[in-house]
Each structure stands twice: as structure tokens, then as C-alpha cells.
């Protein structure tokens, strides 16, 4: 039997489809925009060049040649008699001279158009009548042409110089084809690049989805195991407490075993409780409502320190009062104090607090061995013990619980090594400031 590997999970397929469509759309839009812009710029440049040259030649023919060779009153035969007809023919100039005697008596050279003034616009004829040089793009009998008209000062006749611009139009048509071809090539290359990138992105999305699912399974497993262990561990704690209460009645060689058992059972209970707490925090939305209370920051921190590290110093401005979730903040500060006391026992621990606008800043600092710089962020991971110098038998969950509670409170928690040795952990918590010193 042949087994075919799946092409990817739903998350990967969705990412691939969106990425391919996005890349193709962006490449198509960019190529069409660039091609259109290039065509417009080139077309305008060519048309301006042809128009400028035609205007310059028209002015020269009318204001110089015609003015020199024609009398004030021009009759039908004067154009040829003056030699202008030969000059126009030698230079390849197509011209229609309106002598005012009727279409059959006007001068025509190099044109098969019977009456040019009849096919140009009224605006062009008006401009010529006002003594200005005017131009107009026309399609005469299927051929694209540029008509430039000018009147010999002061009273005429009117000259209409006609330029065949078929070559320019063919060049622009070829340019359009080239730009369309280039756009199609870019779209094809973009599609290929998008598909290749999409495969990589899809694989990454599948991997992320698998890791997320695996982490969720792990969290559920930890939560289930912790919940199932809670009852038997509670029974073990009770039994260990009974043994510890009667330890003096036991033989000397048995007391040490009972003491170790009692300590280990209580640590196991603490670990189970912390795992249950983390599992609850994992399922707590950051938008969950919190129980907001007003508290005196100095008294609040002093009470925590008195219970957990009486030797620690508290430095808080007198009268500082804020509104926040007392229960969660107490858990955060208590764990930080426990961490400092446990990892820096007998060494100065200081807890400070102040406000920065609408932010309460609490720092718990010690003078212990600190943490290697490359592991500062990892100390907030679960079961993390950054260095044996700061490890004294903790579960490795205390700071993970701190960050989890801080997430729900909308707070940030950072750690840094202090100058002169020691670790400082800072909590920045948005609060409502009720009173300041």
C-alpha cells in the first residue's frame, strides 16, 4: 500500500492561498502602473518632440521664406513662381496654402487632401485668424497626421503644414506590445516567486499551528494531571503533617526521614497548586474583568514584605494611593519577594514603588549573584532556573506566574542585572492614581 504525505494543514493552505493572491495582485498592480506610466511618459515625450519640430519648421517657412519671396497680395501661381513650391518639395514638406480663392484654386503640395481648412477644427482656424501658430492631431483618411497652421503676417495667406506621424504611432504601438509583454513576464515571475514563498510560509504556518496545538495539548495535560494529583497530594500532606506532629515520638534515625518527607510533600503540594494556577491563567483572557480596589501602596507592600521577607526594605512615598486588582498584584509582588528572598537569602532585598503618569512602577531588587545576561528573558519561562548560583530548590514557576498575572493586568515585567551585583525585576502596571505624595 502506498502512503501519500499530506500537502499541508488547513492553516498552511490558507496562508499559501492568501500569500499567492496577494503577491500576484501586488505584482500585477505594480507592473500595470509602471507600464502605463512608462507609456504615457514616452508618448508625451515623442509627441512633444514631433510637435516642437513641426512648429519650428512652420514658423521658418511662413515668417522667413514666405515673407521674403511672396508679395503682399498672393495669387494662385505665386507659390510656384517664387520657388517656394520647389523648396517644399525638396524638403518633403506637405503643405496646403489657403489663398482664399476656393478649394480648386488653392496651392497643394504633397497632399491628397482636397481641402485641409474644411477638416481642421474651428478653434484651429480661429487661432490662425488671430495670428497665432496652432497645431492639431488629426486622422485624415485613415492616416494619423499633425497639422500646423500659420498665417503670413499681416494678412495671409494661411499655410497648413501636414506631417505624417504614422512612424511615431507604430513606434508607440510597438512600445505598448513590449510593455504588455514585460508586464506579463513580471506577473509570471511574481506568481512563481509567490508560490515558492507561499510554500515556505505555508510550511511555517503548519509548523506554528502544530506547535500551538502541541502546547495546548501540553497545557491541558498539565492541568488534568495537576487536578488529578490535587486530591491524593492533599491526603499526603495531611498524613505527613500527622507524622511531623509525632516526630518526637519516633526513633532518632527515623526523624530525619520524616522531616525530609514532610518537606518534599509540601513542595509537591506547592508545585501542584502553582501548575493549577498557571493552567487557569492560560485560559484567562487579557480582556477579563479584574476586581479593582483602592489601596495604599506603602501599606500594601509593607504587609507583603512583613509576611515573606521581614528583613527587606520598603521604599515608597507616603500617601501614594492607586486603584488596581489587589489580588493579582499581591500575587505578583509576593512571588517577586519570594524569588529575591530565596535566591539571595541574607543579602539586602529592597522593594521600591513610584508612579510615572498613570503607571505604577514597582521594583524588587536584591544583591544576590544575579543572572547571566543571555538568560535574563528566560527566567520568566516555566521551570526555568537560569543559574545554579540562584537555584535553591524552587519549582521554577514563580516568575512564570508573575508574568502570567501581569499579562492579565496589562502590565509589563522586565529583569536586569544591577551594577555591583544582584538582580532587579521591574513591574510597570497601568493604574488609576487616587492620591500622590
Protein backbone atom coordinates (compact mmCIF):
# COMPACT_ATOMS: atom_id res chain seq x y z
CA UNK A 1 0.00 0.00 0.00
CA UNK A 2 1.33 3.43 -0.89
CA UNK A 3 1.00 6.22 1.66
CA UNK A 4 0.97 9.81 0.39
CA UNK A 5 2.13 12.56 2.73
CA UNK A 6 -0.38 15.35 3.21
CA UNK A 7 0.33 18.57 1.35
CA UNK A 8 -0.17 20.65 4.45
CA UNK A 9 -2.65 21.52 7.12
CA UNK A 10 -5.60 23.90 6.77
CA UNK A 11 -3.60 26.77 8.26
CA UNK A 12 -0.82 26.28 5.73
CA UNK A 13 -3.25 26.09 2.80
CA UNK A 14 -5.00 29.27 3.88
CA UNK A 15 -1.69 31.09 4.24
CA UNK A 16 -0.47 29.84 0.86
CA UNK A 17 -3.65 30.89 -0.93
CA UNK A 18 -3.68 34.35 0.65
CA UNK A 19 0.01 34.88 0.00
CA UNK A 20 -0.16 33.82 -3.66
CA UNK A 21 -3.19 36.04 -4.31
CA UNK A 22 -1.57 38.96 -2.51
CA UNK A 23 1.74 38.65 -4.35
CA UNK A 24 0.07 38.22 -7.75
CA UNK A 25 -2.23 41.17 -7.06
CA UNK A 26 0.62 43.42 -5.96
CA UNK A 27 2.86 42.43 -8.87
CA UNK A 28 0.01 42.90 -11.35
CA UNK A 29 -0.88 46.28 -9.93
CA UNK A 30 2.75 47.42 -9.86
CA UNK A 31 3.54 46.18 -13.37
CA UNK A 32 0.39 47.73 -14.88
CA UNK A 33 1.04 51.02 -13.09
CA UNK A 34 4.71 51.14 -14.13
CA UNK A 35 3.93 50.11 -17.72
CA UNK A 36 1.18 52.71 -18.01
CA UNK A 37 3.40 55.40 -16.56
CA UNK A 38 6.28 54.47 -18.88
CA UNK A 39 3.98 54.51 -21.92
CA UNK A 40 2.45 57.88 -21.02
CA UNK A 41 5.86 59.46 -20.42
CA UNK A 42 7.36 58.12 -23.66
CA UNK A 43 4.26 59.02 -25.71
CA UNK A 44 4.23 62.56 -24.35
CA UNK A 45 7.95 62.93 -24.99
CA UNK A 46 7.67 61.73 -28.60
CA UNK A 47 4.60 63.87 -29.30
CA UNK A 48 6.27 66.92 -27.77
CA UNK A 49 9.40 66.36 -29.87
CA UNK A 50 7.42 65.97 -33.10
CA UNK A 51 5.22 68.97 -32.26
CA UNK A 52 8.16 71.24 -31.39
CA UNK A 53 9.95 70.36 -34.62
CA UNK A 54 6.80 70.93 -36.69
CA UNK A 55 6.11 74.30 -35.03
CA UNK A 56 9.69 75.44 -35.60
CA UNK A 57 9.58 74.47 -39.29
CA UNK A 58 6.19 76.15 -39.76
CA UNK A 59 7.44 79.41 -38.28
CA UNK A 60 10.52 79.33 -40.51
CA UNK A 61 8.52 78.57 -43.65
CA UNK A 62 5.96 81.30 -43.00
CA UNK A 63 7.87 84.03 -41.22
CA UNK A 64 11.12 83.73 -43.20
CA UNK A 65 10.69 82.02 -46.57
CA UNK A 66 7.13 83.14 -47.36
CA UNK A 67 7.74 86.64 -46.05
CA UNK A 68 10.82 87.04 -48.27
CA UNK A 69 9.51 85.54 -51.51
CA UNK A 70 5.84 86.47 -51.68
CA UNK A 71 4.33 89.85 -52.35
CA UNK A 72 1.68 91.33 -50.13
CA UNK A 73 -1.02 90.13 -52.47
CA UNK A 74 -0.61 86.46 -53.36
CA UNK A 75 -2.16 84.95 -56.47
CA UNK A 76 -2.55 81.21 -57.19
CA UNK A 77 0.59 80.99 -59.30
CA UNK A 78 2.89 82.96 -57.00
CA UNK A 79 3.75 79.95 -54.81
CA UNK A 80 5.36 78.12 -57.71
CA UNK A 81 6.79 81.25 -59.29
CA UNK A 82 8.55 82.26 -56.06
CA UNK A 83 10.28 78.91 -55.75
CA UNK A 84 8.51 78.02 -52.50
CA UNK A 85 6.86 75.02 -54.13
CA UNK A 86 10.25 73.62 -55.14
CA UNK A 87 11.66 74.22 -51.64
CA UNK A 88 8.69 72.48 -50.03
CA UNK A 89 9.01 69.55 -52.42
CA UNK A 90 12.77 69.16 -51.89
CA UNK A 91 12.37 69.21 -48.12
CA UNK A 92 9.45 66.79 -48.17
CA UNK A 93 7.05 69.33 -46.70
CA UNK A 94 3.37 68.63 -47.31
CA UNK A 95 1.54 71.95 -47.40
CA UNK A 96 -1.86 73.40 -48.19
CA UNK A 97 -1.95 77.17 -48.82
CA UNK A 98 -5.39 78.75 -48.47
CA UNK A 99 -5.35 81.64 -50.97
CA UNK A 100 -8.99 82.47 -50.37
CA UNK A 101 -9.96 81.78 -53.98
CA UNK A 102 -11.75 78.49 -53.40
CA UNK A 103 -10.59 74.86 -52.88
CA UNK A 104 -9.79 74.35 -56.56
CA UNK A 105 -7.51 77.39 -56.79
CA UNK A 106 -5.57 76.91 -53.52
CA UNK A 107 -2.00 75.60 -53.55
CA UNK A 108 -1.46 71.97 -52.55
CA UNK A 109 1.90 70.16 -52.35
CA UNK A 110 2.48 66.54 -51.29
CA UNK A 111 -1.12 66.00 -50.17
CA UNK A 112 -4.07 64.04 -51.44
CA UNK A 113 -6.44 66.01 -49.22
CA UNK A 114 -8.73 68.27 -51.21
CA UNK A 115 -9.44 70.96 -48.63
CA UNK A 116 -7.47 71.00 -45.35
CA UNK A 117 -9.27 74.02 -43.82
CA UNK A 118 -12.51 72.07 -44.10
CA UNK A 119 -11.24 69.14 -41.98
CA UNK A 120 -9.49 71.02 -39.18
CA UNK A 121 -11.35 72.35 -36.16
CA UNK A 122 -12.94 75.75 -35.86
CA UNK A 123 -10.64 76.51 -32.91
CA UNK A 124 -7.56 75.99 -35.06
CA UNK A 125 -8.86 78.26 -37.83
CA UNK A 126 -9.78 80.90 -35.25
CA UNK A 127 -6.25 80.76 -33.76
CA UNK A 128 -4.71 81.16 -37.22
CA UNK A 129 -7.02 84.07 -37.97
CA UNK A 130 -5.79 85.76 -34.78
CA UNK A 131 -2.19 85.47 -35.99
CA UNK A 132 -1.10 82.58 -33.78
CA UNK A 133 0.66 79.38 -34.82
CA UNK A 134 -1.65 76.47 -33.95
CA UNK A 135 -1.44 72.69 -34.18
CA UNK A 136 -3.86 69.78 -34.15
CA UNK A 137 -3.60 65.99 -34.22
CA UNK A 138 -5.91 64.50 -36.86
CA UNK A 139 -6.73 61.24 -38.56
CA UNK A 140 -7.02 62.12 -42.25
CA UNK A 141 -8.32 59.33 -44.46
CA UNK A 142 -7.02 56.66 -42.08
CA UNK A 143 -3.56 58.19 -41.65
CA UNK A 144 -2.54 59.89 -38.37
CA UNK A 145 -1.27 63.39 -39.09
CA UNK A 146 -0.16 66.53 -37.33
CA UNK A 147 -1.47 69.77 -38.83
CA UNK A 148 0.37 73.02 -38.02
CA UNK A 149 -1.22 76.21 -39.36
CA UNK A 150 0.12 79.76 -39.51
CA UNK A 151 -0.77 82.99 -41.33
CA UNK A 152 1.87 85.00 -43.13
CA UNK A 153 1.75 88.41 -41.48
CA UNK A 154 -0.08 90.63 -41.76
CA UNK A 155 -2.94 89.39 -43.97
CA UNK A 156 -2.11 85.94 -45.23
CA UNK A 157 -2.28 83.60 -46.91
CA UNK A 158 -2.82 80.79 -44.39
CA UNK A 159 -0.38 77.88 -44.57
CA UNK A 160 -1.34 74.38 -43.33
CA UNK A 161 1.68 72.11 -42.92
CA UNK A 162 0.72 68.46 -42.60
CA UNK A 163 3.08 65.87 -41.08
CA UNK A 164 2.51 62.14 -41.38
CA UNK A 165 3.05 60.70 -37.86
CA UNK A 166 2.46 57.06 -38.77
CA UNK A 167 6.03 56.15 -37.78
CA UNK A 168 5.51 57.64 -34.34
CA UNK A 169 2.23 55.75 -33.89
CA UNK A 170 3.85 52.48 -35.00
CA UNK A 171 6.68 53.06 -32.51
CA UNK A 172 4.17 53.66 -29.74
CA UNK A 173 2.23 50.54 -30.74
CA UNK A 174 5.44 48.51 -30.54
CA UNK A 175 6.17 50.10 -27.17
CA UNK A 176 2.73 49.03 -25.95
CA UNK A 177 3.40 45.46 -27.01
CA UNK A 178 6.79 45.45 -25.30
CA UNK A 179 5.35 46.86 -22.09
CA UNK A 180 2.45 44.39 -22.11
CA UNK A 181 4.92 41.55 -22.63
CA UNK A 182 7.15 42.83 -19.83
CA UNK A 183 4.14 43.10 -17.53
CA UNK A 184 3.11 39.52 -18.30
CA UNK A 185 6.65 38.32 -17.62
CA UNK A 186 6.70 40.20 -14.30
CA UNK A 187 3.33 38.75 -13.35
CA UNK A 188 4.55 35.26 -14.23
CA UNK A 189 7.75 35.73 -12.22
CA UNK A 190 5.74 37.19 -9.35
CA UNK A 191 3.39 34.22 -9.44
CA UNK A 192 6.30 31.77 -9.36
CA UNK A 193 8.02 33.69 -6.56
CA UNK A 194 4.71 33.97 -4.69
CA UNK A 195 4.06 30.24 -4.97
CA UNK A 196 7.54 29.44 -3.75
CA UNK A 197 7.25 31.88 -0.86
CA UNK A 198 3.76 30.60 -0.17
CA UNK A 199 5.03 27.05 0.16
CA UNK A 200 7.59 28.20 2.71
CA UNK A 201 5.05 30.37 4.54
CA UNK A 202 2.52 27.54 4.46
CA UNK A 203 5.03 25.12 5.93
CA UNK A 204 5.86 27.66 8.61
CA UNK A 205 2.17 28.21 9.34
CA UNK A 206 1.66 24.45 9.62
CA UNK A 207 4.61 24.19 11.97
CA UNK A 208 3.31 27.06 14.09
CA UNK A 209 -0.16 25.50 14.15
CA UNK A 210 1.31 22.15 15.16
CA UNK A 211 3.42 23.75 17.89
CA UNK A 212 0.42 25.72 19.13
CA UNK A 213 -1.70 22.58 19.18
CA UNK A 214 1.06 20.64 20.91
CA UNK A 215 1.44 23.40 23.51
CA UNK A 216 -2.30 23.44 24.07
CA UNK A 217 -2.30 19.66 24.48
CA UNK A 218 0.59 20.01 26.93
CA UNK A 219 -1.28 22.65 28.92
CA UNK A 220 -4.41 20.53 29.04
CA UNK A 221 -2.35 17.54 30.11
CA UNK A 222 -0.62 19.53 32.86
CA UNK A 223 -3.95 20.93 34.01
CA UNK A 224 -5.57 17.48 34.03
CA UNK A 225 -2.64 15.85 35.80
CA UNK A 226 -2.45 18.67 38.36
CA UNK A 227 -6.15 18.41 39.03
CA UNK A 228 -5.98 14.64 39.40
CA UNK A 229 -2.96 14.93 41.72
CA UNK A 230 -4.55 17.55 43.94
CA UNK A 231 -6.68 15.13 45.96
CA UNK A 232 -4.02 12.47 46.65
CA UNK A 233 -1.40 15.15 47.32
CA UNK A 234 -3.73 16.80 49.81
CA UNK A 235 -4.08 13.43 51.56
CA UNK A 236 -0.29 13.01 51.54
CA UNK A 237 0.14 16.43 53.12
CA UNK A 238 -2.30 15.58 55.89
CA UNK A 239 -0.54 12.27 56.55
CA UNK A 240 2.86 13.97 56.50
CA UNK A 241 1.58 16.60 58.95
CA UNK A 242 0.41 13.84 61.28
CA UNK A 243 3.82 12.20 61.12
CA UNK A 244 5.54 15.55 61.66
CA UNK A 245 3.36 16.23 64.70
CA UNK A 246 4.56 12.95 66.27
CA UNK A 247 8.17 13.20 65.12
CA UNK A 248 9.46 13.49 68.69
CA UNK A 249 7.98 10.05 69.42
CA UNK A 250 9.97 8.42 66.64
CA UNK A 251 13.44 6.97 66.88
CA UNK A 252 16.25 9.41 66.13
CA UNK A 253 17.27 7.70 62.91
CA UNK A 254 13.67 7.93 61.65
CA UNK A 255 13.13 11.62 62.44
CA UNK A 256 15.36 12.82 59.62
CA UNK A 257 13.42 10.73 57.11
CA UNK A 258 10.11 12.13 58.36
CA UNK A 259 11.41 15.69 58.18
CA UNK A 260 12.59 15.17 54.60
CA UNK A 261 9.31 13.53 53.67
CA UNK A 262 7.31 16.37 55.19
CA UNK A 263 9.32 18.98 53.26
CA UNK A 264 9.10 17.10 49.97
CA UNK A 265 5.35 16.54 50.28
CA UNK A 266 4.74 20.23 50.97
CA UNK A 267 6.90 21.19 47.99
CA UNK A 268 4.91 18.76 45.85
CA UNK A 269 1.68 20.38 47.05
CA UNK A 270 3.06 23.83 46.18
CA UNK A 271 4.07 22.61 42.71
CA UNK A 272 0.60 21.17 42.05
CA UNK A 273 -1.05 24.39 43.22
CA UNK A 274 1.24 26.50 41.01
CA UNK A 275 0.57 24.28 37.99
CA UNK A 276 -3.17 24.62 38.57
CA UNK A 277 -2.78 28.39 38.88
CA UNK A 278 -0.86 28.59 35.62
CA UNK A 279 -3.42 26.43 33.84
CA UNK A 280 -6.18 28.80 34.99
CA UNK A 281 -4.15 31.82 33.86
CA UNK A 282 -3.57 30.23 30.46
CA UNK A 283 -7.31 30.21 29.87
CA UNK A 284 -7.84 33.73 31.22
CA UNK A 285 -8.47 36.32 28.52
CA UNK A 286 -6.46 39.52 28.78
CA UNK A 287 -9.76 41.36 28.46
CA UNK A 288 -11.18 39.60 31.50
CA UNK A 289 -12.63 41.89 34.12
CA UNK A 290 -10.48 42.47 37.16
CA UNK A 291 -11.56 43.29 40.71
CA UNK A 292 -10.38 46.87 41.18
CA UNK A 293 -9.74 48.09 44.72
CA UNK A 294 -8.21 51.21 46.17
CA UNK A 295 -5.04 50.56 48.10
CA UNK A 296 -2.32 52.40 49.95
CA UNK A 297 0.80 51.27 48.09
CA UNK A 298 3.16 51.66 51.07
CA UNK A 299 0.97 49.66 53.48
CA UNK A 300 0.17 47.10 50.79
CA UNK A 301 3.84 46.38 50.05
CA UNK A 302 4.80 46.56 53.73
CA UNK A 303 2.26 43.87 54.62
CA UNK A 304 3.57 41.52 51.93
CA UNK A 305 7.19 42.03 52.98
CA UNK A 306 6.38 41.56 56.67
CA UNK A 307 4.96 38.10 55.94
CA UNK A 308 7.55 36.90 53.43
CA UNK A 309 10.86 38.74 53.98
CA UNK A 310 10.84 40.83 57.16
CA UNK A 311 14.46 41.85 56.66
CA UNK A 312 13.70 43.50 53.29
CA UNK A 313 13.48 47.29 52.97
CA UNK A 314 10.43 49.05 51.53
CA UNK A 315 10.84 52.50 49.95
CA UNK A 316 7.51 54.03 48.93
CA UNK A 317 6.41 57.70 49.07
CA UNK A 318 3.94 58.25 51.91
CA UNK A 319 0.34 58.72 50.84
CA UNK A 320 0.60 57.06 47.43
CA UNK A 321 -2.81 55.50 46.68
CA UNK A 322 -3.95 53.77 43.47
CA UNK A 323 -6.81 51.66 42.17
CA UNK A 324 -5.97 48.22 40.71
CA UNK A 325 -6.61 44.50 41.15
CA UNK A 326 -5.30 43.90 44.69
CA UNK A 327 -5.36 40.09 44.50
CA UNK A 328 -3.39 39.76 41.29
CA UNK A 329 -0.90 42.48 42.22
CA UNK A 330 -0.34 40.83 45.59
CA UNK A 331 0.44 37.54 43.81
CA UNK A 332 2.92 39.31 41.54
CA UNK A 333 4.74 41.14 44.32
CA UNK A 334 4.69 38.15 46.69
CA UNK A 335 6.31 35.90 44.09
CA UNK A 336 8.95 38.52 43.34
CA UNK A 337 9.74 38.94 47.02
CA UNK A 338 9.88 35.15 47.48
CA UNK A 339 12.20 34.89 44.47
CA UNK A 340 14.55 37.57 45.82
CA UNK A 341 14.49 36.12 49.34
CA UNK A 342 15.03 32.56 48.13
CA UNK A 343 17.85 33.33 45.70
CA UNK A 344 19.57 35.99 47.78
CA UNK A 345 18.94 34.87 51.36
CA UNK A 346 20.77 37.00 53.89
CA UNK A 347 21.54 39.64 51.27
CA UNK A 348 19.81 43.02 51.04
CA UNK A 349 16.40 42.98 49.35
CA UNK A 350 14.75 46.31 48.53
CA UNK A 351 11.22 46.97 47.27
CA UNK A 352 10.56 50.42 45.78
CA UNK A 353 7.47 51.96 44.17
CA UNK A 354 6.56 55.21 42.43
CA UNK A 355 4.18 56.46 39.75
CA UNK A 356 5.02 57.55 36.24
CA UNK A 357 1.92 59.36 34.98
CA UNK A 358 -0.80 56.67 35.12
CA UNK A 359 1.68 53.83 35.62
CA UNK A 360 2.68 52.26 38.93
CA UNK A 361 6.32 51.16 38.84
CA UNK A 362 7.34 48.53 41.40
CA UNK A 363 10.89 47.20 41.59
CA UNK A 364 12.11 44.27 43.68
CA UNK A 365 15.90 44.24 43.85
CA UNK A 366 18.43 42.06 45.64
CA UNK A 367 22.18 41.81 46.00
CA UNK A 368 22.43 38.12 45.13
CA UNK A 369 24.55 36.60 42.37
CA UNK A 370 22.36 37.94 39.52
CA UNK A 371 21.63 36.15 36.26
CA UNK A 372 23.80 35.71 33.12
CA UNK A 373 22.85 38.42 30.63
CA UNK A 374 21.84 35.99 27.89
CA UNK A 375 19.35 34.29 30.23
CA UNK A 376 17.51 37.33 31.62
CA UNK A 377 14.45 36.79 29.44
CA UNK A 378 14.38 33.04 30.08
CA UNK A 379 13.89 33.43 33.82
CA UNK A 380 10.19 34.09 33.13
CA UNK A 381 9.80 30.76 31.31
CA UNK A 382 8.23 27.81 33.09
CA UNK A 383 10.57 25.58 35.08
CA UNK A 384 13.40 27.97 34.26
CA UNK A 385 16.39 28.06 36.58
CA UNK A 386 18.83 30.40 34.95
CA UNK A 387 21.83 29.64 37.12
CA UNK A 388 22.66 27.24 39.91
CA UNK A 389 24.03 30.15 41.94
CA UNK A 390 20.43 31.44 42.23
CA UNK A 391 18.83 27.99 42.47
CA UNK A 392 17.78 26.90 45.94
CA UNK A 393 15.17 24.27 45.27
CA UNK A 394 12.33 26.39 43.84
CA UNK A 395 9.85 24.96 41.35
CA UNK A 396 10.84 27.33 38.56
CA UNK A 397 7.24 28.51 38.19
CA UNK A 398 7.22 31.61 40.39
CA UNK A 399 8.32 34.14 37.76
CA UNK A 400 6.20 32.43 35.09
CA UNK A 401 3.19 33.05 37.34
CA UNK A 402 4.31 36.67 37.76
CA UNK A 403 4.34 37.25 34.01
CA UNK A 404 1.00 35.45 33.56
CA UNK A 405 -0.72 37.66 36.14
CA UNK A 406 0.98 40.74 34.68
CA UNK A 407 -0.42 39.83 31.26
CA UNK A 408 -3.96 39.83 32.63
CA UNK A 409 -3.31 43.16 34.39
CA UNK A 410 -1.91 44.71 31.20
CA UNK A 411 1.46 45.14 32.93
CA UNK A 412 5.00 44.52 31.72
CA UNK A 413 7.71 42.71 33.68
CA UNK A 414 11.41 43.10 32.93
CA UNK A 415 14.61 41.99 34.65
CA UNK A 416 18.10 43.46 34.70
CA UNK A 417 21.35 42.85 36.49
CA UNK A 418 22.27 45.59 38.96
CA UNK A 419 25.54 47.44 38.99
CA UNK A 420 27.61 45.94 41.76
CA UNK A 421 25.77 42.60 41.62
CA UNK A 422 22.25 41.42 42.10
CA UNK A 423 19.00 41.23 40.17
CA UNK A 424 16.23 43.81 39.81
CA UNK A 425 12.78 42.93 38.47
CA UNK A 426 10.54 45.84 37.46
CA UNK A 427 6.75 45.76 37.05
CA UNK A 428 5.06 48.60 35.14
CA UNK A 429 1.32 48.49 35.79
CA UNK A 430 -1.34 50.85 34.41
CA UNK A 431 -3.43 52.11 37.32
CA UNK A 432 -5.79 54.87 38.35
CA UNK A 433 -3.80 57.17 40.64
CA UNK A 434 -6.04 58.28 43.53
CA UNK A 435 -3.52 60.29 45.56
CA UNK A 436 0.14 61.19 45.27
CA UNK A 437 2.56 62.48 47.92
